[in-house]
C-alpha atoms as a PDB file:
ATOM      1  CA  MET A   1       6.837  16.828  10.438  1.00  0.00           C
ATOM      2  CA  THR A   2       7.872  12.609  11.223  1.00  0.00           C
ATOM      3  CA  ARG A   3       7.979  10.393   8.451  1.00  0.00           C
ATOM      4  CA  ARG A   4       4.541   8.770   8.968  1.00  0.00           C
ATOM      5  CA  GLN A   5       2.909  12.328   9.515  1.00  0.00           C
ATOM      6  CA  GLU A   6       4.765  12.612   5.680  1.00  0.00           C
ATOM      7  CA  ILE A   7       2.986   9.508   4.483  1.00  0.00           C
ATOM      8  CA  ILE A   8      -0.140  10.353   5.867  1.00  0.00           C
ATOM      9  CA  GLU A   9      -0.349  14.174   4.402  1.00  0.00           C
ATOM     10  CA  ILE A  10       0.216  12.383   1.285  1.00  0.00           C
ATOM     11  CA  LEU A  11      -1.543   9.238   1.541  1.00  0.00           C
ATOM     12  CA  ARG A  12      -4.745  11.711   2.276  1.00  0.00           C
ATOM     13  CA  ASN A  13      -4.798  13.678  -1.374  1.00  0.00           C
ATOM     14  CA  GLU A  14      -3.961  10.523  -3.516  1.00  0.00           C
ATOM     15  CA  ALA A  15      -3.497   6.808  -3.923  1.00  0.00           C
ATOM     16  CA  TRP A  16      -0.031   5.908  -4.032  1.00  0.00           C
ATOM     17  CA  SER A  17       2.129   2.413  -4.142  1.00  0.00           C
ATOM     18  CA  LEU A  18       4.916   1.867  -1.381  1.00  0.00           C
ATOM     19  CA  GLN A  19       7.364   2.125  -4.282  1.00  0.00           C
ATOM     20  CA  ASP A  20       6.566   5.661  -4.894  1.00  0.00           C
ATOM     21  CA  LEU A  21       6.105   6.570  -1.896  1.00  0.00           C
ATOM     22  CA  ALA A  22       9.566   5.543  -1.738  1.00  0.00           C
ATOM     23  CA  VAL A  23      10.621   7.120  -4.203  1.00  0.00           C
ATOM     24  CA  ILE A  24       8.936  10.650  -3.012  1.00  0.00           C
ATOM     25  CA  LEU A  25      10.308  10.535   0.510  1.00  0.00           C
ATOM     26  CA  ARG A  26      13.712   9.256  -1.134  1.00  0.00           C
ATOM     27  CA  ILE A  27      13.780   6.946   1.795  1.00  0.00           C
ATOM     28  CA  HIS A  28      13.974   2.698   1.226  1.00  0.00           C
ATOM     29  CA  ILE A  29      10.941   0.669   0.680  1.00  0.00           C
ATOM     30  CA  LYS A  30      11.357  -1.558   4.054  1.00  0.00           C
ATOM     31  CA  ASN A  31      10.847   1.420   6.130  1.00  0.00           C
ATOM     32  CA  ILE A  32       7.487   2.088   4.113  1.00  0.00           C
ATOM     33  CA  PHE A  33       6.770  -1.678   5.187  1.00  0.00           C
ATOM     34  CA  GLU A  34       7.666  -0.723   8.886  1.00  0.00           C
ATOM     35  CA  ASP A  35       5.094   2.484   9.249  1.00  0.00           C
ATOM     36  CA  ILE A  36       2.161   0.967   7.363  1.00  0.00           C
ATOM     37  CA  PRO A  37       1.021  -0.628  10.430  1.00  0.00           C
ATOM     38  CA  HIS A  38       1.753   2.276  12.401  1.00  0.00           C
ATOM     39  CA  ILE A  39      -0.164   4.311  10.308  1.00  0.00           C
ATOM     40  CA  GLU A  40      -3.435   2.447  10.302  1.00  0.00           C
ATOM     41  CA  LYS A  41      -3.544   2.993  13.822  1.00  0.00           C
ATOM     42  CA  THR A  42      -2.961   6.429  14.087  1.00  0.00           C
ATOM     43  CA  VAL A  43      -6.031   7.487  11.281  1.00  0.00           C
ATOM     44  CA  ARG A  44      -8.532   5.882  13.408  1.00  0.00           C
ATOM     45  CA  PRO A  45     -11.009   6.855  14.348  1.00  0.00           C
ATOM     46  CA  LYS A  46     -11.921   9.566  11.943  1.00  0.00           C
ATOM     47  CA  GLU A  47      -9.938   8.135   9.085  1.00  0.00           C
ATOM     48  CA  LYS A  48      -9.139   4.840   7.456  1.00  0.00           C
ATOM     49  CA  LEU A  49      -6.575   3.327   5.839  1.00  0.00           C
ATOM     50  CA  VAL A  50      -7.711   1.913   2.316  1.00  0.00           C
ATOM     51  CA  ILE A  51      -5.944  -0.590   0.434  1.00  0.00           C
ATOM     52  CA  THR A  52      -6.641  -1.605  -3.050  1.00  0.00           C
ATOM     53  CA  PRO A  53      -5.586  -4.926  -3.324  1.00  0.00           C
ATOM     54  CA  ALA A  54      -2.354  -6.826  -5.973  1.00  0.00           C
ATOM     55  CA  GLN A  55      -3.607  -7.630  -9.095  1.00  0.00           C
ATOM     56  CA  CYS A  56      -2.228  -9.812 -11.646  1.00  0.00           C
ATOM     57  CA  LEU A  57      -2.388  -8.206 -15.137  1.00  0.00           C
ATOM     58  CA  LYS A  58      -2.138 -11.268 -16.683  1.00  0.00           C
ATOM     59  CA  CYS A  59      -5.276 -13.189 -15.407  1.00  0.00           C
ATOM     60  CA  ASN A  60      -7.136 -10.151 -13.185  1.00  0.00           C
ATOM     61  CA  PHE A  61      -6.782 -12.366 -10.196  1.00  0.00           C
ATOM     62  CA  THR A  62      -7.093 -10.531  -7.088  1.00  0.00           C
ATOM     63  CA  PHE A  63      -5.617 -10.703  -4.046  1.00  0.00           C
ATOM     64  CA  LYS A  64      -8.490  -9.805  -1.765  1.00  0.00           C
ATOM     65  CA  GLU A  65      -7.695 -11.774   0.962  1.00  0.00           C
ATOM     66  CA  ARG A  66      -4.226 -11.196   1.326  1.00  0.00           C
ATOM     67  CA  ARG A  67      -2.994  -8.832   4.596  1.00  0.00           C
ATOM     68  CA  LYS A  68       0.423  -8.835   3.991  1.00  0.00           C
ATOM     69  CA  ILE A  69       1.771  -5.375   2.711  1.00  0.00           C
ATOM     70  CA  LYS A  70       4.235  -6.545   0.533  1.00  0.00           C
ATOM     71  CA  THR A  71       3.409  -7.146  -3.867  1.00  0.00           C
ATOM     72  CA  PRO A  72       3.630 -11.016  -3.981  1.00  0.00           C
ATOM     73  CA  SER A  73       5.675 -12.436  -6.425  1.00  0.00           C
ATOM     74  CA  ARG A  74       3.623 -14.619  -8.390  1.00  0.00           C
ATOM     75  CA  CYS A  75      -0.302 -15.024  -9.000  1.00  0.00           C
ATOM     76  CA  PRO A  76      -1.445 -18.668  -7.121  1.00  0.00           C
ATOM     77  CA  LYS A  77      -3.778 -18.788 -10.331  1.00  0.00           C
ATOM     78  CA  CYS A  78      -1.659 -18.603 -13.392  1.00  0.00           C
ATOM     79  CA  LYS A  79       1.733 -18.448 -12.145  1.00  0.00           C
ATOM     80  CA  GLY A  80       2.331 -15.593 -13.747  1.00  0.00           C
ATOM     81  CA  THR A  81       4.973 -13.023 -12.059  1.00  0.00           C
ATOM     82  CA  HIS A  82       3.247  -9.207 -13.676  1.00  0.00           C
ATOM     83  CA  ILE A  83       1.691  -8.174 -10.334  1.00  0.00           C
ATOM     84  CA  LYS A  84       0.201  -5.069 -10.047  1.00  0.00           C
ATOM     85  CA  GLU A  85       1.010  -3.370  -6.963  1.00  0.00           C
ATOM     86  CA  PRO A  86      -1.404  -2.562  -3.940  1.00  0.00           C
ATOM     87  CA  VAL A  87      -2.119   1.169  -3.490  1.00  0.00           C
ATOM     88  CA  PHE A  88      -2.986   2.696  -0.352  1.00  0.00           C
ATOM     89  CA  GLN A  89      -5.071   5.777   0.586  1.00  0.00           C
ATOM     90  CA  ILE A  90      -6.362   7.489   3.525  1.00  0.00           C
ATOM     91  CA  GLN A  91      -9.920   8.453   3.541  1.00  0.00           C
ATOM     92  CA  LYS A  92     -12.735   9.730   5.743  1.00  0.00           C
ATOM     93  CA  ILE A  93     -15.130   7.887   7.086  1.00  0.00           C
END
């Protein structure tokens, strides 16, 4: 099984952050950054990659409009740096 196939199988069972996936698969997080856009295209049309956006843990600001996969470095509202990572999961449509 390829790395992307492994990621797809893991995300079908449960929601994970990119950092968690990197630890599970024992690979550098940069590789997962590259894989996510490809996985998003691969699982269509029967499934969908659902992204729970990053959230500031200080003021609860949610990064809904953000299209980047990486976790933001700070909150635009309160300038806090304690940010909850976005979480990814594959769900059937």
